[in-house]
Amino acid sequence: MWQDAPAGGSDVERARHTVAPESNMLDWLTWPADQLLRIGGVVAGWFFSEDATSSTVVQMMFATLVLAAFVALLVFWQRLVEYCRSLWKTR
C-alpha cells in the first residue's frame, strides 16, 4: 500500500513523500551491510588516515575481514559454546 503525503501539497511534494513498501524491506536488508562498513571504517581509522587515497580500499578490506569473522563465529558457534562449557566443567 502506498503512503501519500497530506493533501494540500504540490505534486512534487507528494511525489517526494510517496514511499513504496519495498523500501522498508530494503532498509532492514541493507542495515547489516551499513554496520559492517562502519565497523570496517573504525578499524581502518586505527591504522590509516581518512585523508589517505587508499582509505576506501582499506575500509572495504577491513569490512571484508569483519564479515569473515562474523560468518566464522556463526558457523563455529556451537563448537565454541561446547568448548567453553567443557572448560567450565573441569573447574
N, C-alpha and C. Protein backbone atom coordinates (compact mmCIF):
# COMPACT_ATOMS: atom_id res chain seq x y z
N MET A 1 0.84 -1.16 0.00
CA MET A 1 0.00 0.00 0.00
C MET A 1 0.90 1.24 0.00
N TRP A 2 0.60 2.19 -0.85
CA TRP A 2 1.38 3.41 -0.95
C TRP A 2 0.97 4.39 0.13
N GLN A 3 1.93 5.12 0.62
CA GLN A 3 1.65 6.14 1.62
C GLN A 3 1.82 7.49 0.95
N ASP A 4 0.78 8.28 0.92
CA ASP A 4 0.82 9.57 0.26
C ASP A 4 1.02 10.69 1.27
N ALA A 5 1.51 11.79 0.75
CA ALA A 5 1.67 13.00 1.58
C ALA A 5 0.29 13.58 1.88
N PRO A 6 0.20 14.39 2.89
CA PRO A 6 -1.09 15.00 3.20
C PRO A 6 -1.58 15.86 2.05
N ALA A 7 -2.89 15.99 1.97
CA ALA A 7 -3.50 16.79 0.90
C ALA A 7 -3.12 18.25 1.07
N GLY A 8 -3.13 18.96 -0.04
CA GLY A 8 -2.84 20.38 0.00
C GLY A 8 -1.44 20.72 -0.47
N GLY A 9 -0.56 19.73 -0.57
CA GLY A 9 0.79 19.99 -1.05
C GLY A 9 0.84 19.92 -2.56
N SER A 10 1.94 20.36 -3.12
CA SER A 10 2.09 20.31 -4.58
C SER A 10 2.36 18.87 -5.02
N ASP A 11 2.29 18.64 -6.33
CA ASP A 11 2.56 17.30 -6.85
C ASP A 11 3.99 16.87 -6.57
N VAL A 12 4.91 17.80 -6.65
CA VAL A 12 6.31 17.48 -6.36
C VAL A 12 6.45 17.09 -4.90
N GLU A 13 5.78 17.81 -4.03
CA GLU A 13 5.84 17.50 -2.61
C GLU A 13 5.24 16.11 -2.34
N ARG A 14 4.14 15.79 -2.98
CA ARG A 14 3.53 14.47 -2.82
C ARG A 14 4.44 13.38 -3.34
N ALA A 15 5.06 13.60 -4.50
CA ALA A 15 5.94 12.59 -5.08
C ALA A 15 7.15 12.36 -4.19
N ARG A 16 7.61 13.38 -3.54
CA ARG A 16 8.77 13.25 -2.67
C ARG A 16 8.43 12.43 -1.43
N HIS A 17 7.19 12.49 -0.96
CA HIS A 17 6.78 11.79 0.25
C HIS A 17 6.14 10.44 -0.02
N THR A 18 6.01 10.05 -1.27
CA THR A 18 5.43 8.76 -1.58
C THR A 18 6.47 7.67 -1.34
N VAL A 19 6.11 6.69 -0.53
CA VAL A 19 7.05 5.65 -0.15
C VAL A 19 6.46 4.30 -0.51
N ALA A 20 7.23 3.50 -1.24
CA ALA A 20 6.79 2.14 -1.56
C ALA A 20 7.10 1.23 -0.39
N PRO A 21 6.28 0.24 -0.14
CA PRO A 21 6.54 -0.67 0.99
C PRO A 21 7.82 -1.47 0.82
N GLU A 22 8.28 -1.64 -0.43
CA GLU A 22 9.51 -2.39 -0.65
C GLU A 22 10.71 -1.67 -0.05
N SER A 23 10.62 -0.34 0.06
CA SER A 23 11.76 0.39 0.61
C SER A 23 11.96 0.07 2.08
N ASN A 24 10.88 -0.24 2.80
CA ASN A 24 11.03 -0.66 4.19
C ASN A 24 11.77 -1.97 4.29
N MET A 25 11.50 -2.89 3.37
CA MET A 25 12.20 -4.17 3.36
C MET A 25 13.68 -3.97 3.04
N LEU A 26 13.98 -3.07 2.13
CA LEU A 26 15.37 -2.82 1.78
C LEU A 26 16.13 -2.20 2.94
N ASP A 27 15.45 -1.46 3.80
CA ASP A 27 16.12 -0.86 4.95
C ASP A 27 16.70 -1.93 5.86
N TRP A 28 15.94 -2.95 6.17
CA TRP A 28 16.47 -3.96 7.07
C TRP A 28 17.41 -4.93 6.36
N LEU A 29 17.35 -4.98 5.05
CA LEU A 29 18.31 -5.82 4.32
C LEU A 29 19.67 -5.14 4.20
N THR A 30 19.69 -3.83 4.07
CA THR A 30 20.96 -3.12 3.91
C THR A 30 21.57 -2.69 5.24
N TRP A 31 20.82 -2.80 6.32
CA TRP A 31 21.32 -2.39 7.62
C TRP A 31 22.58 -3.15 8.03
N PRO A 32 22.64 -4.49 7.89
CA PRO A 32 23.88 -5.19 8.26
C PRO A 32 25.09 -4.75 7.43
N ALA A 33 24.88 -4.47 6.15
CA ALA A 33 26.00 -4.01 5.32
C ALA A 33 26.49 -2.65 5.79
N ASP A 34 25.58 -1.78 6.17
CA ASP A 34 25.98 -0.47 6.69
C ASP A 34 26.79 -0.63 7.98
N GLN A 35 26.37 -1.52 8.84
CA GLN A 35 27.10 -1.74 10.09
C GLN A 35 28.48 -2.30 9.83
N LEU A 36 28.59 -3.24 8.89
CA LEU A 36 29.91 -3.79 8.55
C LEU A 36 30.84 -2.71 8.02
N LEU A 37 30.31 -1.83 7.16
CA LEU A 37 31.14 -0.76 6.63
C LEU A 37 31.55 0.23 7.73
N ARG A 38 30.65 0.48 8.66
CA ARG A 38 31.00 1.38 9.77
C ARG A 38 32.10 0.77 10.64
N ILE A 39 31.96 -0.51 10.96
CA ILE A 39 32.97 -1.19 11.77
C ILE A 39 34.30 -1.23 11.01
N GLY A 40 34.23 -1.54 9.72
CA GLY A 40 35.45 -1.54 8.90
C GLY A 40 36.10 -0.17 8.86
N GLY A 41 35.29 0.88 8.81
CA GLY A 41 35.82 2.23 8.81
C GLY A 41 36.49 2.59 10.12
N VAL A 42 35.91 2.15 11.23
CA VAL A 42 36.51 2.43 12.54
C VAL A 42 37.84 1.71 12.66
N VAL A 43 37.88 0.43 12.28
CA VAL A 43 39.12 -0.33 12.38
C VAL A 43 40.17 0.22 11.43
N ALA A 44 39.78 0.57 10.22
CA ALA A 44 40.72 1.16 9.26
C ALA A 44 41.23 2.50 9.77
N GLY A 45 40.41 3.23 10.49
CA GLY A 45 40.82 4.51 11.05
C GLY A 45 41.91 4.38 12.09
N TRP A 46 42.02 3.19 12.71
CA TRP A 46 43.10 2.97 13.67
C TRP A 46 44.46 2.94 12.99
N PHE A 47 44.49 2.52 11.72
CA PHE A 47 45.75 2.29 11.03
C PHE A 47 46.04 3.29 9.92
N PHE A 48 45.00 3.86 9.33
CA PHE A 48 45.18 4.74 8.18
C PHE A 48 44.43 6.05 8.41
N SER A 49 44.99 7.10 7.85
CA SER A 49 44.33 8.39 7.90
C SER A 49 43.13 8.40 6.96
N GLU A 50 42.11 9.13 7.33
CA GLU A 50 40.92 9.21 6.48
C GLU A 50 41.22 9.99 5.20
N ASP A 51 42.27 10.80 5.22
CA ASP A 51 42.65 11.58 4.06
C ASP A 51 43.51 10.79 3.07
N ALA A 52 43.95 9.61 3.45
CA ALA A 52 44.78 8.81 2.55
C ALA A 52 43.99 8.41 1.32
N THR A 53 44.68 8.30 0.20
CA THR A 53 43.98 7.98 -1.05
C THR A 53 43.43 6.57 -1.05
N SER A 54 44.04 5.68 -0.29
CA SER A 54 43.59 4.29 -0.29
C SER A 54 42.66 3.97 0.88
N SER A 55 42.13 4.98 1.54
CA SER A 55 41.32 4.73 2.74
C SER A 55 40.05 3.94 2.41
N THR A 56 39.44 4.18 1.26
CA THR A 56 38.22 3.45 0.89
C THR A 56 38.53 1.98 0.67
N VAL A 57 39.65 1.71 0.01
CA VAL A 57 40.03 0.32 -0.23
C VAL A 57 40.35 -0.39 1.07
N VAL A 58 41.06 0.29 1.95
CA VAL A 58 41.39 -0.30 3.26
C VAL A 58 40.13 -0.52 4.08
N GLN A 59 39.19 0.42 4.01
CA GLN A 59 37.93 0.26 4.72
C GLN A 59 37.18 -0.97 4.22
N MET A 60 37.13 -1.16 2.92
CA MET A 60 36.46 -2.34 2.37
C MET A 60 37.19 -3.62 2.77
N MET A 61 38.52 -3.57 2.81
CA MET A 61 39.30 -4.75 3.22
C MET A 61 38.96 -5.12 4.66
N PHE A 62 38.94 -4.13 5.55
CA PHE A 62 38.61 -4.43 6.94
C PHE A 62 37.15 -4.86 7.09
N ALA A 63 36.26 -4.29 6.29
CA ALA A 63 34.86 -4.73 6.33
C ALA A 63 34.74 -6.18 5.90
N THR A 64 35.53 -6.59 4.91
CA THR A 64 35.53 -7.99 4.48
C THR A 64 36.06 -8.90 5.59
N LEU A 65 37.10 -8.45 6.28
CA LEU A 65 37.63 -9.24 7.40
C LEU A 65 36.61 -9.36 8.54
N VAL A 66 35.90 -8.27 8.82
CA VAL A 66 34.86 -8.32 9.85
C VAL A 66 33.74 -9.27 9.44
N LEU A 67 33.37 -9.23 8.16
CA LEU A 67 32.34 -10.15 7.66
C LEU A 67 32.81 -11.60 7.79
N ALA A 68 34.06 -11.88 7.43
CA ALA A 68 34.59 -13.24 7.55
C ALA A 68 34.61 -13.70 9.00
N ALA A 69 34.98 -12.82 9.91
CA ALA A 69 34.98 -13.17 11.34
C ALA A 69 33.56 -13.44 11.84
N PHE A 70 32.61 -12.63 11.40
CA PHE A 70 31.22 -12.82 11.81
C PHE A 70 30.66 -14.14 11.28
N VAL A 71 30.94 -14.46 10.02
CA VAL A 71 30.47 -15.73 9.44
C VAL A 71 31.14 -16.91 10.14
N ALA A 72 32.43 -16.78 10.43
CA ALA A 72 33.12 -17.86 11.15
C ALA A 72 32.52 -18.05 12.54
N LEU A 73 32.17 -16.97 13.21
CA LEU A 73 31.53 -17.08 14.52
C LEU A 73 30.19 -17.79 14.41
N LEU A 74 29.41 -17.46 13.38
CA LEU A 74 28.12 -18.14 13.19
C LEU A 74 28.30 -19.62 12.90
N VAL A 75 29.29 -19.95 12.08
CA VAL A 75 29.50 -21.34 11.68
C VAL A 75 29.97 -22.18 12.86
N PHE A 76 30.91 -21.64 13.65
CA PHE A 76 31.50 -22.42 14.72
C PHE A 76 30.90 -22.12 16.09
N TRP A 77 29.75 -21.47 16.14
CA TRP A 77 29.16 -21.07 17.41
C TRP A 77 28.91 -22.26 18.34
N GLN A 78 28.34 -23.33 17.80
CA GLN A 78 28.02 -24.48 18.64
C GLN A 78 29.28 -25.11 19.22
N ARG A 79 30.31 -25.24 18.40
CA ARG A 79 31.57 -25.80 18.89
C ARG A 79 32.21 -24.90 19.95
N LEU A 80 32.14 -23.60 19.73
CA LEU A 80 32.72 -22.68 20.72
C LEU A 80 31.99 -22.76 22.05
N VAL A 81 30.68 -22.87 22.02
CA VAL A 81 29.91 -23.00 23.26
C VAL A 81 30.24 -24.32 23.96
N GLU A 82 30.34 -25.40 23.19
CA GLU A 82 30.70 -26.69 23.78
C GLU A 82 32.09 -26.66 24.40
N TYR A 83 33.02 -25.99 23.73
CA TYR A 83 34.38 -25.88 24.25
C TYR A 83 34.40 -25.09 25.55
N CYS A 84 33.67 -23.98 25.58
CA CYS A 84 33.63 -23.17 26.80
C CYS A 84 32.96 -23.93 27.95
N ARG A 85 31.92 -24.68 27.64
CA ARG A 85 31.26 -25.48 28.68
C ARG A 85 32.20 -26.56 29.22
N SER A 86 32.99 -27.17 28.32
CA SER A 86 33.94 -28.20 28.79
C SER A 86 35.00 -27.59 29.68
N LEU A 87 35.40 -26.35 29.42
CA LEU A 87 36.37 -25.70 30.29
C LEU A 87 35.77 -25.41 31.66
N TRP A 88 34.50 -25.02 31.72
CA TRP A 88 33.87 -24.73 32.99
C TRP A 88 33.59 -25.99 33.79
N LYS A 89 33.37 -27.14 33.12
CA LYS A 89 33.09 -28.38 33.83
C LYS A 89 34.33 -28.91 34.55
N THR A 90 35.52 -28.61 34.03
CA THR A 90 36.74 -29.13 34.64
C THR A 90 37.14 -28.37 35.89
N ARG A 91 36.54 -27.23 36.17
CA ARG A 91 36.90 -26.44 37.37
C ARG A 91 36.24 -26.95 38.59
